[in-house]
Structure formats: C-alpha cells, structure tokens
C-alpha cells in the first residue's frame, strides 16, 4: 500500500505544483498590466515594476495555494481515473478513505513549504515591494519600514511609528520649521484619528521654541487640518492579512494595551490559519469530485471546474471575512464557516459514493 500512497502523493504534488505556477503566473501578469499605467510617474521605471511584481509572488503563492490544490488534484487524480488506475486500486482493496488520506498526506507536505513561505518570505517581500513602489512614485515618503514612516509636508516633518489603518495612527510626532529651517515646535501624540475636519490628535505633548526658550504644553486633543492623507496611508500601510502570525499577534497585544480596536487584526490572525485549512479541504473535496461526476471528463473540463470552484471558494472566504467585520461576527466563525460548509459537502459526497 505504501507504493500506492507514494504514487498518489506524487501525482497530486506534481499537479498542484503545475497549477500553482499557472495561477501565480496569471496573477503576476495581471499585476504587471495594471502597474504599466504608472510608468513615468516619479521614478517608477519598468525595472521597478518588474521588481514589484516579483516581490509579490510569495504572497500570491500563499493566497492562491488552496485554489491551486483543487486544480492540481482534480487534474492529477483525473488522469488516474481516465486511465482506470483508480478503479484498479479500488479492486485491489484500496478504500476511498485510504485514497483521501494519501491525497491529504501530500497536502501536508506541501503545506509545510507554503506556510514557511507565507510566514517568513512573503511578509518581508511585500513590505519591501510597497516601500519600493511608494518611494518611486514620489509619495513624499522618505522612509517606510518596520519602524514607521517619515513624511514631509511643506515645512512640516511627520513621523508615524504605528499605522493601525488609513484613518488611525499611534505614536505620532510632528516637527515644524520656519522659513529659515529653524525648529519652532515639536508635537507628540499617543494616537491620531481622521475626522471630517482633519486629524484629531489625542494625549498631546508640545514643545514650542521661541527666541531660544522652550515652552511645554499638554493638551487632551488637538486638531490638525492637514497631516497625512488617508489615501497615502492606504498605499503605504502593510495590510494585516499580509503580515505574519507573530507580527499580527504582537500588534494585537499593542492595540489591547493602548485600548484600541483590534477587530481588523483579529480577523487577519484567524485568517492566517484558515488558508492552510482551506488547502486541505480543497484536496479533500477533489476526491469525491473525481470519483463522481468528473470521472469521465476531459482534462480541460476538470481544470475549468477546478478553477471555477477554487476561485469561488477564495471569493467566498474573502466575502465572509468582510461581512463578518461589517456585522461584527465572531472572527473565528467568519473565517472558518466557509471551510466547514465545504467539508460537510465533501463528506456527504463521499458517503454517497
């Protein structure tokens, strides 16, 4: 039986690897086409666009891995079905559940690699890609990285240590200079929230410099009509879903310590666990599909159905996460509900077989 297990595993591994190359390549091509419209803006050159696309490949591979698993497994197992190899395995005493376990064993091996990429390579590459693109496009950001961003606005220099989202900041420093480039004030705020009339800074400490004297002032809140535009922050901020589990967990702890909303990061945290589980579910449901209605289908039809189901599930999980945040549902339930539905459908199909 071990020989058959290895044979099935190799078939699934090779099919998934090819499918992953195809879907990631398609995603990279679409990103390249989209970014070509920005050539010539600032210092954004063709070579920088290529770098930006290449740096996004690890993130795309991690996000699209469940869809690739379904397409690859349907393709590989479908070939075995067409060649009657699965029928011969069944006749030799190999149960459907044993075939399912062989497929899932291959999935676990692939998950070790893809999760390692998603937790180590992808977040670093995505952060560097955003920094490269933002600075090249001339977005007035002089530094963007793990230690915050520096932004210049006329004679004002702004340093933001923590970006919660595009409308909420933490640990904000504002340095203002006069026309002679002399420092006239230094302002530090614990948090900042974007309102209709500008940025509202909370728990503010100011140092006002005049004729060599320094006056200190403490205020509960202070309104800055112009500071950093939310559209700029939306570009430079590293999305929670692109961060590693460890970084998300640390950020949640920071938000909780400072009494800030953690909803977005809670969803991202549990979403990181939903991705590998989704990949196993895609492999699980591929077996009854191959033994069922797709048994005598051609390769092209199986690939089409696999892409349709895989990307449909991908969109369903994204929608569930967004709707969960809108309706304030439990993040664990919102992230894992689509997977539980797929598991129930696959289990029902296997029982019918």
Protein backbone atom coordinates (compact mmCIF):
# COMPACT_ATOMS: atom_id res chain seq x y z
CA UNK A 1 0.00 0.00 0.00
CA UNK A 2 2.89 2.37 0.65
CA UNK A 3 3.82 2.24 -3.02
CA UNK A 4 0.28 3.31 -3.98
CA UNK A 5 0.32 6.03 -1.32
CA UNK A 6 3.53 7.44 -2.77
CA UNK A 7 2.19 7.15 -6.31
CA UNK A 8 -0.96 9.12 -5.44
CA UNK A 9 1.05 11.66 -3.46
CA UNK A 10 3.49 12.28 -6.32
CA UNK A 11 0.57 12.67 -8.74
CA UNK A 12 -1.08 15.27 -6.50
CA UNK A 13 2.20 17.06 -5.78
CA UNK A 14 3.14 17.40 -9.44
CA UNK A 15 -0.37 18.50 -10.45
CA UNK A 16 -0.54 21.11 -7.68
CA UNK A 17 2.94 22.45 -8.46
CA UNK A 18 1.99 23.00 -12.11
CA UNK A 19 -1.35 24.55 -11.17
CA UNK A 20 0.34 26.88 -8.66
CA UNK A 21 2.79 28.07 -11.32
CA UNK A 22 -0.12 28.77 -13.66
CA UNK A 23 -2.33 30.69 -11.22
CA UNK A 24 0.56 32.67 -9.73
CA UNK A 25 1.85 33.45 -13.22
CA UNK A 26 -1.61 34.71 -14.20
CA UNK A 27 -1.79 36.88 -11.09
CA UNK A 28 1.68 38.30 -11.81
CA UNK A 29 0.74 39.05 -15.42
CA UNK A 30 -2.41 40.92 -14.37
CA UNK A 31 -0.42 42.89 -11.78
CA UNK A 32 2.17 43.78 -14.41
CA UNK A 33 -0.51 45.03 -16.79
CA UNK A 34 -2.06 47.12 -14.01
CA UNK A 35 1.24 48.66 -12.96
CA UNK A 36 2.27 49.59 -16.51
CA UNK A 37 -0.13 52.56 -16.30
CA UNK A 38 2.13 54.07 -13.62
CA UNK A 39 5.33 54.11 -15.72
CA UNK A 40 6.86 57.58 -15.78
CA UNK A 41 5.27 58.73 -12.53
CA UNK A 42 8.08 59.92 -10.29
CA UNK A 43 10.95 57.47 -10.66
CA UNK A 44 8.76 54.45 -11.35
CA UNK A 45 10.54 52.62 -14.18
CA UNK A 46 9.90 49.34 -15.98
CA UNK A 47 12.61 47.59 -13.97
CA UNK A 48 11.00 48.75 -10.72
CA UNK A 49 7.66 47.38 -11.88
CA UNK A 50 9.29 44.02 -12.59
CA UNK A 51 10.84 44.06 -9.11
CA UNK A 52 7.47 44.95 -7.57
CA UNK A 53 5.76 42.06 -9.37
CA UNK A 54 8.47 39.56 -8.44
CA UNK A 55 8.38 40.61 -4.79
CA UNK A 56 4.63 39.94 -4.76
CA UNK A 57 4.99 36.34 -5.94
CA UNK A 58 5.42 34.77 -2.44
CA UNK A 59 2.24 36.47 -1.20
CA UNK A 60 0.31 35.38 -4.31
CA UNK A 61 1.55 31.80 -3.93
CA UNK A 62 0.36 31.69 -0.32
CA UNK A 63 -3.07 33.21 -1.02
CA UNK A 64 -3.78 31.16 -4.17
CA UNK A 65 -2.42 27.87 -2.83
CA UNK A 66 -5.87 26.43 -1.90
CA UNK A 67 -7.19 27.07 -5.42
CA UNK A 68 -4.05 25.51 -6.90
CA UNK A 69 -4.53 22.44 -4.70
CA UNK A 70 -8.02 21.86 -6.08
CA UNK A 71 -6.99 22.38 -9.70
CA UNK A 72 -3.86 20.24 -9.35
CA UNK A 73 -5.58 17.42 -7.52
CA UNK A 74 -8.50 17.33 -9.97
CA UNK A 75 -6.08 17.25 -12.88
CA UNK A 76 -3.72 14.63 -11.46
CA UNK A 77 -6.38 12.36 -9.97
CA UNK A 78 -8.49 12.82 -13.10
CA UNK A 79 -5.72 11.34 -15.22
CA UNK A 80 -5.66 8.32 -12.90
CA UNK A 81 -9.43 7.99 -13.24
CA UNK A 82 -9.36 8.20 -17.06
CA UNK A 83 -6.63 5.55 -17.20
CA UNK A 84 -8.73 3.34 -14.87
CA UNK A 85 -5.90 3.32 -12.34
CA UNK A 86 -8.24 4.39 -9.55
CA UNK A 87 -10.60 1.54 -10.44
CA UNK A 88 -7.67 -0.89 -10.28
CA UNK A 89 -6.68 0.49 -6.87
CA UNK A 90 -10.24 0.01 -5.61
CA UNK A 91 -10.30 -3.53 -6.99
CA UNK A 92 -7.03 -4.22 -5.19
CA UNK A 93 -8.62 -3.35 -1.85
CA UNK A 94 -7.76 0.34 -1.54
CA UNK A 95 -10.73 2.13 0.00
CA UNK A 96 -11.85 5.64 -0.94
CA UNK A 97 -10.95 6.86 2.53
CA UNK A 98 -7.43 5.45 2.10
CA UNK A 99 -7.14 7.39 -1.17
CA UNK A 100 -8.35 10.52 0.65
CA UNK A 101 -5.66 10.03 3.30
CA UNK A 102 -2.98 9.60 0.63
CA UNK A 103 -4.07 12.86 -1.00
CA UNK A 104 -4.10 14.69 2.33
CA UNK A 105 -0.62 13.38 3.20
CA UNK A 106 0.66 15.05 0.04
CA UNK A 107 -1.17 18.20 1.10
CA UNK A 108 0.54 18.25 4.48
CA UNK A 109 3.95 18.03 2.82
CA UNK A 110 3.10 20.97 0.55
CA UNK A 111 1.69 22.97 3.48
CA UNK A 112 4.99 22.80 5.35
CA UNK A 113 6.67 24.59 2.45
CA UNK A 114 3.92 27.08 1.63
CA UNK A 115 3.31 28.07 5.26
CA UNK A 116 7.05 28.64 5.73
CA UNK A 117 6.98 30.93 2.68
CA UNK A 118 3.84 32.70 3.87
CA UNK A 119 5.19 33.34 7.37
CA UNK A 120 8.77 34.30 6.57
CA UNK A 121 9.42 35.30 2.95
CA UNK A 122 6.05 36.78 1.91
CA UNK A 123 5.66 39.47 4.65
CA UNK A 124 9.22 40.77 4.17
CA UNK A 125 8.94 40.78 0.38
CA UNK A 126 5.55 42.52 0.47
CA UNK A 127 6.84 45.20 2.82
CA UNK A 128 9.85 45.87 0.62
CA UNK A 129 7.64 45.93 -2.51
CA UNK A 130 5.37 48.57 -1.01
CA UNK A 131 8.33 50.66 0.10
CA UNK A 132 9.88 50.44 -3.38
CA UNK A 133 6.66 51.44 -5.13
CA UNK A 134 5.67 54.23 -2.75
CA UNK A 135 9.05 55.99 -2.79
CA UNK A 136 9.43 55.54 -6.56
CA UNK A 137 6.05 57.14 -7.21
CA UNK A 138 7.11 60.22 -5.24
CA UNK A 139 4.52 59.97 -2.48
CA UNK A 140 6.55 62.30 -0.18
CA UNK A 141 7.52 59.33 1.97
CA UNK A 142 11.21 59.44 2.81
CA UNK A 143 11.22 56.25 4.86
CA UNK A 144 8.83 53.34 5.09
CA UNK A 145 9.53 50.18 7.05
CA UNK A 146 9.02 48.24 10.25
CA UNK A 147 9.88 51.33 12.31
CA UNK A 148 7.18 53.55 10.81
CA UNK A 149 7.24 56.24 8.12
CA UNK A 150 8.64 59.73 7.64
CA UNK A 151 6.55 62.13 5.56
CA UNK A 152 7.32 65.72 4.57
CA UNK A 153 4.53 68.27 4.09
CA UNK A 154 5.94 71.71 3.17
CA UNK A 155 7.85 72.87 6.30
CA UNK A 156 6.44 70.08 8.45
CA UNK A 157 8.02 66.67 9.03
CA UNK A 158 5.80 63.91 10.33
CA UNK A 159 6.93 60.62 11.84
CA UNK A 160 4.38 57.86 12.48
CA UNK A 161 5.59 54.90 14.47
CA UNK A 162 2.44 52.77 14.21
CA UNK A 163 -0.13 52.74 11.40
CA UNK A 164 -3.29 50.99 12.60
CA UNK A 165 -5.17 51.65 9.36
CA UNK A 166 -5.65 54.52 6.91
CA UNK A 167 -7.66 56.53 9.47
CA UNK A 168 -5.98 55.63 12.74
CA UNK A 169 -2.38 56.20 13.83
CA UNK A 170 -0.40 55.71 17.02
CA UNK A 171 2.75 57.37 18.37
CA UNK A 172 2.71 60.39 16.05
CA UNK A 173 5.45 63.05 16.02
CA UNK A 174 5.15 66.36 14.15
CA UNK A 175 8.16 68.71 13.73
CA UNK A 176 7.51 72.17 12.30
CA UNK A 177 10.17 74.54 10.93
CA UNK A 178 10.09 78.17 9.89
CA UNK A 179 11.33 79.60 6.57
CA UNK A 180 14.90 79.69 7.95
CA UNK A 181 14.67 75.95 8.69
CA UNK A 182 14.68 76.50 12.43
CA UNK A 183 12.64 74.18 14.59
CA UNK A 184 9.67 76.06 16.06
CA UNK A 185 7.60 73.25 17.55
CA UNK A 186 7.68 69.54 18.30
CA UNK A 187 4.40 67.74 18.89
CA UNK A 188 3.90 64.20 20.05
CA UNK A 189 0.53 62.42 20.27
CA UNK A 190 -0.28 58.97 21.60
CA UNK A 191 -2.94 58.39 18.92
CA UNK A 192 -4.47 60.19 15.95
CA UNK A 193 -7.86 59.64 14.30
CA UNK A 194 -9.02 61.07 10.98
CA UNK A 195 -12.22 63.17 11.17
CA UNK A 196 -14.09 65.25 8.62
CA UNK A 197 -12.20 68.38 9.71
CA UNK A 198 -8.75 66.75 9.76
CA UNK A 199 -6.68 64.66 12.15
CA UNK A 200 -7.61 64.67 15.82
CA UNK A 201 -4.52 64.05 17.96
CA UNK A 202 -5.13 62.64 21.44
CA UNK A 203 -2.95 62.95 24.56
CA UNK A 204 -0.75 65.63 23.04
CA UNK A 205 2.58 66.96 24.36
CA UNK A 206 4.00 70.02 22.65
CA UNK A 207 7.33 71.83 22.89
CA UNK A 208 7.14 75.38 21.50
CA UNK A 209 10.51 77.03 20.74
CA UNK A 210 10.70 80.85 20.65
CA UNK A 211 13.86 83.00 20.96
CA UNK A 212 15.79 80.15 22.48
CA UNK A 213 13.15 79.44 25.12
CA UNK A 214 11.14 76.23 25.22
CA UNK A 215 7.56 76.18 26.45
CA UNK A 216 5.87 72.86 27.13
CA UNK A 217 2.16 72.37 26.69
CA UNK A 218 -0.08 69.38 27.32
CA UNK A 219 -3.47 69.00 25.65
CA UNK A 220 -6.12 66.30 25.72
CA UNK A 221 -6.75 66.67 21.99
CA UNK A 222 -5.65 68.82 19.09
CA UNK A 223 -6.97 69.16 15.52
CA UNK A 224 -4.57 69.26 12.56
CA UNK A 225 -6.48 70.15 9.37
CA UNK A 226 -3.70 68.68 7.25
CA UNK A 227 -1.29 65.96 8.29
CA UNK A 228 -1.20 62.79 6.12
CA UNK A 229 -3.90 61.94 3.60
CA UNK A 230 -5.77 58.65 4.18
CA UNK A 231 -5.20 57.80 0.51
CA UNK A 232 -1.42 57.90 1.08
CA UNK A 233 -1.72 55.71 4.17
CA UNK A 234 -3.86 53.26 2.23
CA UNK A 235 -0.95 52.87 -0.20
CA UNK A 236 1.91 52.55 2.28
CA UNK A 237 0.30 50.59 5.10
CA UNK A 238 1.08 46.86 5.18
CA UNK A 239 -2.28 45.11 5.23
CA UNK A 240 -2.86 42.85 8.28
CA UNK A 241 -3.57 39.84 6.06
CA UNK A 242 -0.08 40.19 4.58
CA UNK A 243 1.65 40.12 7.97
CA UNK A 244 2.97 37.01 9.70
CA UNK A 245 1.05 35.41 12.56
CA UNK A 246 3.72 36.53 15.04
CA UNK A 247 3.61 40.16 13.89
CA UNK A 248 -0.20 40.20 13.98
CA UNK A 249 -0.19 38.75 17.48
CA UNK A 250 2.29 41.39 18.66
CA UNK A 251 0.24 44.16 17.04
CA UNK A 252 -2.95 42.90 18.72
CA UNK A 253 -1.18 42.99 22.08
CA UNK A 254 -0.05 46.57 21.40
CA UNK A 255 -3.59 47.65 20.46
CA UNK A 256 -5.09 45.99 23.53
CA UNK A 257 -2.55 47.65 25.82
CA UNK A 258 -3.49 51.05 24.39
CA UNK A 259 -7.25 50.49 24.34
CA UNK A 260 -7.52 50.48 20.54
CA UNK A 261 -9.81 48.43 18.29
CA UNK A 262 -8.36 45.03 17.36
CA UNK A 263 -11.17 43.73 15.11
CA UNK A 264 -9.33 44.02 11.79
CA UNK A 265 -6.25 42.27 13.17
CA UNK A 266 -8.28 39.54 14.90
CA UNK A 267 -9.80 38.66 11.53
CA UNK A 268 -6.37 38.69 9.89
CA UNK A 269 -4.94 36.50 12.68
CA UNK A 270 -7.52 33.73 12.28
CA UNK A 271 -7.44 34.14 8.52
CA UNK A 272 -3.81 33.04 8.52
CA UNK A 273 -4.92 29.69 9.96
CA UNK A 274 -7.86 29.42 7.56
CA UNK A 275 -5.61 29.42 4.47
CA UNK A 276 -3.77 26.11 5.16
CA UNK A 277 -7.01 24.51 6.35
CA UNK A 278 -8.68 25.61 3.11
CA UNK A 279 -5.92 23.92 1.11
CA UNK A 280 -6.57 20.59 2.85
CA UNK A 281 -10.31 20.99 2.29
CA UNK A 282 -9.75 21.58 -1.43
CA UNK A 283 -7.75 18.35 -1.61
CA UNK A 284 -10.41 16.54 0.41
CA UNK A 285 -13.28 17.56 -1.86
CA UNK A 286 -11.31 16.78 -5.02
CA UNK A 287 -11.54 13.02 -4.37
CA UNK A 288 -15.36 12.69 -4.44
CA UNK A 289 -15.43 15.05 -7.44
CA UNK A 290 -13.06 12.78 -9.37
CA UNK A 291 -14.94 9.61 -8.41
CA UNK A 292 -18.27 11.27 -9.13
CA UNK A 293 -19.39 13.50 -11.95
CA UNK A 294 -15.87 14.29 -13.24
CA UNK A 295 -14.76 10.69 -13.60
CA UNK A 296 -15.08 10.58 -17.38
CA UNK A 297 -14.47 14.29 -18.02
CA UNK A 298 -11.60 15.59 -20.10
CA UNK A 299 -8.58 17.35 -18.62
CA UNK A 300 -9.68 20.74 -19.88
CA UNK A 301 -13.10 20.40 -18.28
CA UNK A 302 -11.60 19.34 -14.96
CA UNK A 303 -9.20 22.29 -14.99
CA UNK A 304 -12.05 24.67 -15.76
CA UNK A 305 -14.24 23.29 -12.98
CA UNK A 306 -11.30 23.30 -10.58
CA UNK A 307 -10.53 26.96 -11.32
CA UNK A 308 -14.20 27.85 -11.00
CA UNK A 309 -14.63 26.08 -7.65
CA UNK A 310 -11.23 27.13 -6.28
CA UNK A 311 -11.59 30.83 -7.01
CA UNK A 312 -15.25 30.69 -5.99
CA UNK A 313 -14.19 29.39 -2.58
CA UNK A 314 -11.45 32.05 -2.42
CA UNK A 315 -14.01 34.79 -3.05
CA UNK A 316 -16.42 33.23 -0.55
CA UNK A 317 -13.82 33.30 2.22
CA UNK A 318 -12.94 36.92 1.45
CA UNK A 319 -16.61 37.90 1.46
CA UNK A 320 -17.21 36.06 4.72
CA UNK A 321 -14.36 37.96 6.35
CA UNK A 322 -15.61 41.33 5.09
CA UNK A 323 -19.21 40.64 6.07
CA UNK A 324 -18.08 39.39 9.46
CA UNK A 325 -16.37 42.70 10.16
CA UNK A 326 -19.37 44.70 8.95
CA UNK A 327 -21.86 42.75 11.07
CA UNK A 328 -19.38 42.28 13.97
CA UNK A 329 -19.44 38.50 13.88
CA UNK A 330 -17.00 36.28 15.74
CA UNK A 331 -13.73 36.25 13.71
CA UNK A 332 -13.20 32.51 14.24
CA UNK A 333 -16.71 31.74 12.95
CA UNK A 334 -16.43 34.10 9.97
CA UNK A 335 -13.06 32.70 8.87
CA UNK A 336 -13.85 29.01 9.28
CA UNK A 337 -17.55 28.89 8.31
CA UNK A 338 -16.88 28.55 4.52
CA UNK A 339 -14.45 25.71 5.19
CA UNK A 340 -16.94 23.88 7.41
CA UNK A 341 -19.57 24.15 4.67
CA UNK A 342 -17.15 22.70 2.09
CA UNK A 343 -16.17 19.89 4.49
CA UNK A 344 -19.83 18.99 5.04
CA UNK A 345 -20.49 18.90 1.28
CA UNK A 346 -17.40 16.73 0.67
CA UNK A 347 -18.35 14.36 3.48
CA UNK A 348 -21.85 13.99 2.06
CA UNK A 349 -20.45 13.26 -1.42
CA UNK A 350 -18.06 10.62 -0.04
CA UNK A 351 -20.87 8.88 1.85
CA UNK A 352 -22.93 8.74 -1.34
CA UNK A 353 -20.02 7.06 -3.11
